[in-house]
C-alpha atoms as a PDB file:
ATOM      1  CA  UNK A   1      -0.022   0.014   0.012  1.00  0.00           C
ATOM      2  CA  UNK A   2       2.830   2.364   0.919  1.00  0.00           C
ATOM      3  CA  UNK A   3       4.516   1.672  -2.518  1.00  0.00           C
ATOM      4  CA  UNK A   4       1.247   2.619  -4.316  1.00  0.00           C
ATOM      5  CA  UNK A   5       1.219   6.032  -2.725  1.00  0.00           C
ATOM      6  CA  UNK A   6       4.759   6.827  -3.969  1.00  0.00           C
ATOM      7  CA  UNK A   7       3.625   6.027  -7.581  1.00  0.00           C
ATOM      8  CA  UNK A   8       0.312   7.921  -7.067  1.00  0.00           C
ATOM      9  CA  UNK A   9       2.221  11.053  -5.993  1.00  0.00           C
ATOM     10  CA  UNK A  10       5.185  10.772  -8.512  1.00  0.00           C
ATOM     11  CA  UNK A  11       3.871   9.482 -11.820  1.00  0.00           C
ATOM     12  CA  UNK A  12       6.537   8.988 -14.490  1.00  0.00           C
ATOM     13  CA  UNK A  13       9.519   9.565 -11.807  1.00  0.00           C
ATOM     14  CA  UNK A  14      12.948   8.503 -12.271  1.00  0.00           C
ATOM     15  CA  UNK A  15      14.377   5.606  -9.966  1.00  0.00           C
ATOM     16  CA  UNK A  16      17.864   4.265  -9.546  1.00  0.00           C
ATOM     17  CA  UNK A  17      18.217   0.564 -10.085  1.00  0.00           C
ATOM     18  CA  UNK A  18      21.235  -1.250  -8.460  1.00  0.00           C
ATOM     19  CA  UNK A  19      22.652  -3.749 -10.956  1.00  0.00           C
ATOM     20  CA  UNK A  20      25.407  -6.351 -10.733  1.00  0.00           C
ATOM     21  CA  UNK A  21      28.761  -5.334 -11.521  1.00  0.00           C
ATOM     22  CA  UNK A  22      29.465  -4.611 -15.130  1.00  0.00           C
ATOM     23  CA  UNK A  23      25.823  -5.385 -16.073  1.00  0.00           C
ATOM     24  CA  UNK A  24      24.812  -1.889 -16.571  1.00  0.00           C
ATOM     25  CA  UNK A  25      24.665  -2.030 -20.199  1.00  0.00           C
ATOM     26  CA  UNK A  26      22.840  -5.210 -20.690  1.00  0.00           C
ATOM     27  CA  UNK A  27      20.347  -4.254 -18.176  1.00  0.00           C
ATOM     28  CA  UNK A  28      19.702  -0.818 -19.902  1.00  0.00           C
ATOM     29  CA  UNK A  29      19.421  -2.549 -23.422  1.00  0.00           C
ATOM     30  CA  UNK A  30      16.756  -4.933 -22.092  1.00  0.00           C
ATOM     31  CA  UNK A  31      14.995  -2.388 -20.159  1.00  0.00           C
ATOM     32  CA  UNK A  32      14.918  -0.215 -23.429  1.00  0.00           C
ATOM     33  CA  UNK A  33      13.656  -3.274 -25.366  1.00  0.00           C
ATOM     34  CA  UNK A  34      10.855  -3.850 -22.925  1.00  0.00           C
ATOM     35  CA  UNK A  35       9.733  -0.252 -23.453  1.00  0.00           C
ATOM     36  CA  UNK A  36      11.177   1.702 -20.484  1.00  0.00           C
ATOM     37  CA  UNK A  37      12.791   4.963 -20.704  1.00  0.00           C
ATOM     38  CA  UNK A  38      16.360   4.152 -19.272  1.00  0.00           C
ATOM     39  CA  UNK A  39      19.392   6.407 -18.681  1.00  0.00           C
ATOM     40  CA  UNK A  40      22.973   5.003 -18.192  1.00  0.00           C
ATOM     41  CA  UNK A  41      25.306   7.956 -18.140  1.00  0.00           C
ATOM     42  CA  UNK A  42      28.723   6.960 -19.566  1.00  0.00           C
ATOM     43  CA  UNK A  43      32.115   8.776 -19.831  1.00  0.00           C
ATOM     44  CA  UNK A  44      35.193   8.062 -21.710  1.00  0.00           C
ATOM     45  CA  UNK A  45      38.308   6.776 -19.667  1.00  0.00           C
ATOM     46  CA  UNK A  46      41.761   5.850 -21.016  1.00  0.00           C
ATOM     47  CA  UNK A  47      42.426   2.361 -20.073  1.00  0.00           C
ATOM     48  CA  UNK A  48      45.872   0.541 -20.446  1.00  0.00           C
ATOM     49  CA  UNK A  49      46.048  -2.954 -21.604  1.00  0.00           C
ATOM     50  CA  UNK A  50      49.427  -4.939 -21.560  1.00  0.00           C
ATOM     51  CA  UNK A  51      50.320  -3.764 -25.010  1.00  0.00           C
ATOM     52  CA  UNK A  52      48.335  -0.621 -25.608  1.00  0.00           C
ATOM     53  CA  UNK A  53      46.143   2.279 -24.376  1.00  0.00           C
ATOM     54  CA  UNK A  54      42.607   2.519 -25.401  1.00  0.00           C
ATOM     55  CA  UNK A  55      39.547   4.964 -24.836  1.00  0.00           C
ATOM     56  CA  UNK A  56      36.518   3.029 -23.368  1.00  0.00           C
ATOM     57  CA  UNK A  57      33.025   3.931 -22.362  1.00  0.00           C
ATOM     58  CA  UNK A  58      32.387   3.367 -18.621  1.00  0.00           C
ATOM     59  CA  UNK A  59      29.317   4.113 -16.428  1.00  0.00           C
ATOM     60  CA  UNK A  60      29.507   7.316 -14.494  1.00  0.00           C
ATOM     61  CA  UNK A  61      27.617   5.598 -11.544  1.00  0.00           C
ATOM     62  CA  UNK A  62      29.120   1.980 -11.621  1.00  0.00           C
ATOM     63  CA  UNK A  63      26.555  -0.429 -10.522  1.00  0.00           C
ATOM     64  CA  UNK A  64      23.550   1.720 -11.116  1.00  0.00           C
ATOM     65  CA  UNK A  65      21.179   2.959 -13.997  1.00  0.00           C
ATOM     66  CA  UNK A  66      18.030   5.195 -14.032  1.00  0.00           C
ATOM     67  CA  UNK A  67      14.794   4.119 -15.312  1.00  0.00           C
ATOM     68  CA  UNK A  68      11.562   6.167 -15.525  1.00  0.00           C
ATOM     69  CA  UNK A  69       8.514   4.252 -14.330  1.00  0.00           C
ATOM     70  CA  UNK A  70       5.031   5.291 -14.702  1.00  0.00           C
ATOM     71  CA  UNK A  71       3.372   3.107 -11.781  1.00  0.00           C
ATOM     72  CA  UNK A  72       4.019   0.371  -9.360  1.00  0.00           C
ATOM     73  CA  UNK A  73       3.288  -2.463 -11.672  1.00  0.00           C
ATOM     74  CA  UNK A  74       6.102  -1.216 -13.834  1.00  0.00           C
ATOM     75  CA  UNK A  75       8.737  -2.653 -11.243  1.00  0.00           C
ATOM     76  CA  UNK A  76       8.165  -6.227 -11.985  1.00  0.00           C
ATOM     77  CA  UNK A  77       9.341  -6.273 -15.585  1.00  0.00           C
ATOM     78  CA  UNK A  78      12.652  -4.400 -14.484  1.00  0.00           C
ATOM     79  CA  UNK A  79      13.197  -6.756 -11.495  1.00  0.00           C
ATOM     80  CA  UNK A  80      12.994  -9.776 -13.647  1.00  0.00           C
ATOM     81  CA  UNK A  81      16.014  -8.632 -15.963  1.00  0.00           C
ATOM     82  CA  UNK A  82      18.972 -10.583 -15.529  1.00  0.00           C
ATOM     83  CA  UNK A  83      21.602  -8.509 -13.492  1.00  0.00           C
ATOM     84  CA  UNK A  84      19.045  -6.494 -11.664  1.00  0.00           C
ATOM     85  CA  UNK A  85      19.399  -6.532  -7.930  1.00  0.00           C
ATOM     86  CA  UNK A  86      16.900  -3.948  -6.616  1.00  0.00           C
ATOM     87  CA  UNK A  87      15.462  -0.562  -6.698  1.00  0.00           C
ATOM     88  CA  UNK A  88      17.249   2.032  -4.492  1.00  0.00           C
ATOM     89  CA  UNK A  89      15.088   3.259  -1.776  1.00  0.00           C
ATOM     90  CA  UNK A  90      14.354   3.112   1.941  1.00  0.00           C
ATOM     91  CA  UNK A  91      13.822  -0.664   2.763  1.00  0.00           C
ATOM     92  CA  UNK A  92      11.875  -2.369   0.147  1.00  0.00           C
ATOM     93  CA  UNK A  93      10.234   0.866  -0.818  1.00  0.00           C
ATOM     94  CA  UNK A  94      11.782   2.594  -3.889  1.00  0.00           C
ATOM     95  CA  UNK A  95      12.472   6.350  -3.631  1.00  0.00           C
ATOM     96  CA  UNK A  96      12.217   8.431  -6.620  1.00  0.00           C
ATOM     97  CA  UNK A  97      15.088  10.781  -7.822  1.00  0.00           C
ATOM     98  CA  UNK A  98      14.371  14.330  -8.237  1.00  0.00           C
ATOM     99  CA  UNK A  99      13.872  15.177 -11.855  1.00  0.00           C
ATOM    100  CA  UNK A 100      16.188  18.016 -11.709  1.00  0.00           C
ATOM    101  CA  UNK A 101      19.083  15.854 -10.690  1.00  0.00           C
ATOM    102  CA  UNK A 102      18.637  13.497 -13.611  1.00  0.00           C
ATOM    103  CA  UNK A 103      18.283  16.544 -15.932  1.00  0.00           C
ATOM    104  CA  UNK A 104      21.402  17.960 -14.641  1.00  0.00           C
ATOM    105  CA  UNK A 105      23.242  14.689 -15.299  1.00  0.00           C
ATOM    106  CA  UNK A 106      21.641  14.535 -18.902  1.00  0.00           C
ATOM    107  CA  UNK A 107      22.740  18.001 -19.522  1.00  0.00           C
ATOM    108  CA  UNK A 108      26.074  17.398 -18.480  1.00  0.00           C
ATOM    109  CA  UNK A 109      26.517  14.377 -20.647  1.00  0.00           C
ATOM    110  CA  UNK A 110      24.837  16.081 -23.655  1.00  0.00           C
ATOM    111  CA  UNK A 111      27.142  19.224 -23.204  1.00  0.00           C
ATOM    112  CA  UNK A 112      30.124  17.155 -24.634  1.00  0.00           C
ATOM    113  CA  UNK A 113      32.280  18.510 -21.827  1.00  0.00           C
ATOM    114  CA  UNK A 114      34.507  16.004 -19.947  1.00  0.00           C
ATOM    115  CA  UNK A 115      32.912  14.277 -17.071  1.00  0.00           C
ATOM    116  CA  UNK A 116      33.973  11.500 -14.703  1.00  0.00           C
ATOM    117  CA  UNK A 117      32.983   9.802 -11.422  1.00  0.00           C
ATOM    118  CA  UNK A 118      33.911  11.830  -8.114  1.00  0.00           C
ATOM    119  CA  UNK A 119      33.629  11.066  -4.652  1.00  0.00           C
ATOM    120  CA  UNK A 120      30.525  12.694  -3.044  1.00  0.00           C
ATOM    121  CA  UNK A 121      31.809  15.727  -1.013  1.00  0.00           C
ATOM    122  CA  UNK A 122      29.321  17.252   1.245  1.00  0.00           C
ATOM    123  CA  UNK A 123      29.736  20.625   2.867  1.00  0.00           C
ATOM    124  CA  UNK A 124      30.812  20.138   6.525  1.00  0.00           C
ATOM    125  CA  UNK A 125      32.545  16.971   5.618  1.00  0.00           C
ATOM    126  CA  UNK A 126      36.100  16.159   6.609  1.00  0.00           C
ATOM    127  CA  UNK A 127      38.437  16.060   3.789  1.00  0.00           C
ATOM    128  CA  UNK A 128      42.025  15.594   2.794  1.00  0.00           C
ATOM    129  CA  UNK A 129      43.683  17.620   0.142  1.00  0.00           C
ATOM    130  CA  UNK A 130      45.588  15.435  -2.383  1.00  0.00           C
ATOM    131  CA  UNK A 131      46.793  17.946  -5.023  1.00  0.00           C
ATOM    132  CA  UNK A 132      47.842  21.552  -5.057  1.00  0.00           C
ATOM    133  CA  UNK A 133      49.911  23.545  -2.681  1.00  0.00           C
ATOM    134  CA  UNK A 134      48.021  22.227   0.317  1.00  0.00           C
ATOM    135  CA  UNK A 135      48.610  18.523  -0.289  1.00  0.00           C
ATOM    136  CA  UNK A 136      48.381  16.487   2.782  1.00  0.00           C
ATOM    137  CA  UNK A 137      46.216  19.084   4.738  1.00  0.00           C
ATOM    138  CA  UNK A 138      43.128  17.888   6.344  1.00  0.00           C
ATOM    139  CA  UNK A 139      40.074  20.090   7.473  1.00  0.00           C
ATOM    140  CA  UNK A 140      36.372  20.584   6.894  1.00  0.00           C
ATOM    141  CA  UNK A 141      34.912  21.473   3.530  1.00  0.00           C
ATOM    142  CA  UNK A 142      32.930  24.708   3.463  1.00  0.00           C
ATOM    143  CA  UNK A 143      31.324  26.746   0.717  1.00  0.00           C
ATOM    144  CA  UNK A 144      31.340  30.550   0.710  1.00  0.00           C
ATOM    145  CA  UNK A 145      29.934  32.483  -2.146  1.00  0.00           C
ATOM    146  CA  UNK A 146      29.764  29.421  -4.371  1.00  0.00           C
ATOM    147  CA  UNK A 147      33.546  28.738  -3.717  1.00  0.00           C
ATOM    148  CA  UNK A 148      35.054  25.601  -1.912  1.00  0.00           C
ATOM    149  CA  UNK A 149      37.258  26.150   1.012  1.00  0.00           C
ATOM    150  CA  UNK A 150      38.745  23.973   3.567  1.00  0.00           C
ATOM    151  CA  UNK A 151      38.818  25.107   7.175  1.00  0.00           C
ATOM    152  CA  UNK A 152      41.897  24.489   9.223  1.00  0.00           C
ATOM    153  CA  UNK A 153      42.179  24.995  12.887  1.00  0.00           C
ATOM    154  CA  UNK A 154      44.710  25.540  15.508  1.00  0.00           C
ATOM    155  CA  UNK A 155      43.061  24.090  18.612  1.00  0.00           C
ATOM    156  CA  UNK A 156      45.510  25.665  21.102  1.00  0.00           C
ATOM    157  CA  UNK A 157      44.455  29.157  19.753  1.00  0.00           C
ATOM    158  CA  UNK A 158      40.800  28.330  19.245  1.00  0.00           C
ATOM    159  CA  UNK A 159      41.134  29.917  15.806  1.00  0.00           C
ATOM    160  CA  UNK A 160      40.392  28.731  12.334  1.00  0.00           C
ATOM    161  CA  UNK A 161      41.389  29.803   8.753  1.00  0.00           C
ATOM    162  CA  UNK A 162      39.317  29.126   5.523  1.00  0.00           C
ATOM    163  CA  UNK A 163      41.574  28.538   2.398  1.00  0.00           C
ATOM    164  CA  UNK A 164      39.969  28.532  -0.957  1.00  0.00           C
ATOM    165  CA  UNK A 165      40.631  25.268  -2.880  1.00  0.00           C
ATOM    166  CA  UNK A 166      39.822  23.705  -6.162  1.00  0.00           C
ATOM    167  CA  UNK A 167      37.003  21.074  -5.568  1.00  0.00           C
ATOM    168  CA  UNK A 168      39.132  18.291  -7.193  1.00  0.00           C
ATOM    169  CA  UNK A 169      41.934  18.473  -4.841  1.00  0.00           C
ATOM    170  CA  UNK A 170      39.829  17.398  -1.880  1.00  0.00           C
ATOM    171  CA  UNK A 171      38.916  13.732  -1.006  1.00  0.00           C
ATOM    172  CA  UNK A 172      36.679  12.541   1.744  1.00  0.00           C
ATOM    173  CA  UNK A 173      38.392  11.238   4.690  1.00  0.00           C
ATOM    174  CA  UNK A 174      37.349   7.666   5.847  1.00  0.00           C
ATOM    175  CA  UNK A 175      34.903   7.881   8.742  1.00  0.00           C
ATOM    176  CA  UNK A 176      36.795   5.234  10.501  1.00  0.00           C
ATOM    177  CA  UNK A 177      40.278   7.099  10.712  1.00  0.00           C
ATOM    178  CA  UNK A 178      41.842   6.960  14.029  1.00  0.00           C
ATOM    179  CA  UNK A 179      42.386   9.931  16.244  1.00  0.00           C
ATOM    180  CA  UNK A 180      45.980   9.101  16.248  1.00  0.00           C
ATOM    181  CA  UNK A 181      46.362  10.157  12.559  1.00  0.00           C
ATOM    182  CA  UNK A 182      44.935  13.599  13.301  1.00  0.00           C
ATOM    183  CA  UNK A 183      47.291  13.945  16.346  1.00  0.00           C
ATOM    184  CA  UNK A 184      50.174  12.987  14.242  1.00  0.00           C
ATOM    185  CA  UNK A 185      49.306  15.673  11.774  1.00  0.00           C
ATOM    186  CA  UNK A 186      48.923  18.049  14.625  1.00  0.00           C
ATOM    187  CA  UNK A 187      52.392  17.447  15.991  1.00  0.00           C
ATOM    188  CA  UNK A 188      53.907  17.685  12.486  1.00  0.00           C
ATOM    189  CA  UNK A 189      52.126  20.838  11.333  1.00  0.00           C
ATOM    190  CA  UNK A 190      50.963  22.509  14.586  1.00  0.00           C
ATOM    191  CA  UNK A 191      47.460  22.459  13.199  1.00  0.00           C
ATOM    192  CA  UNK A 192      44.447  20.134  13.562  1.00  0.00           C
ATOM    193  CA  UNK A 193      41.150  19.605  11.894  1.00  0.00           C
ATOM    194  CA  UNK A 194      38.242  21.713  13.086  1.00  0.00           C
END
């Protein structure tokens, strides 16, 4: 009953489908053949084989593809496709993706500009700088006037600074990182994360 409510309120919405590794193209092809509107965003990557380099098309979201569904009954034909694991959602209830998010991905792909997968960085997340003049610095990602900055703090002084960075310099820190790593960085640089 709860599933039907989602489809009643969101007819023709996009859903993410989790698929087996490297099955994205096959699932997308079969879904299209079954009459569904599917979207599998790809990007070009240069891969090295033992004897040569070659450009290949790879999924921007490995293990996922997007499919537009008109009603709850539309799920079963998708779930029966070999390689499909499940719809992405909360528990067993699929959750639709905002149309503007899918439209933004489609626009980026159709623009012809270079795109590639990127770790999800959220404002307020602890990050480590892996490129540029601040390499090795850890801090918290913030956004001020649409510019990305990393906040680095000096605990002893109870003061912080925000340094503007290029977004591609930052990588998320693992949630399970030990406090010892932060303390080691503190001893080496005199600064700790905020």
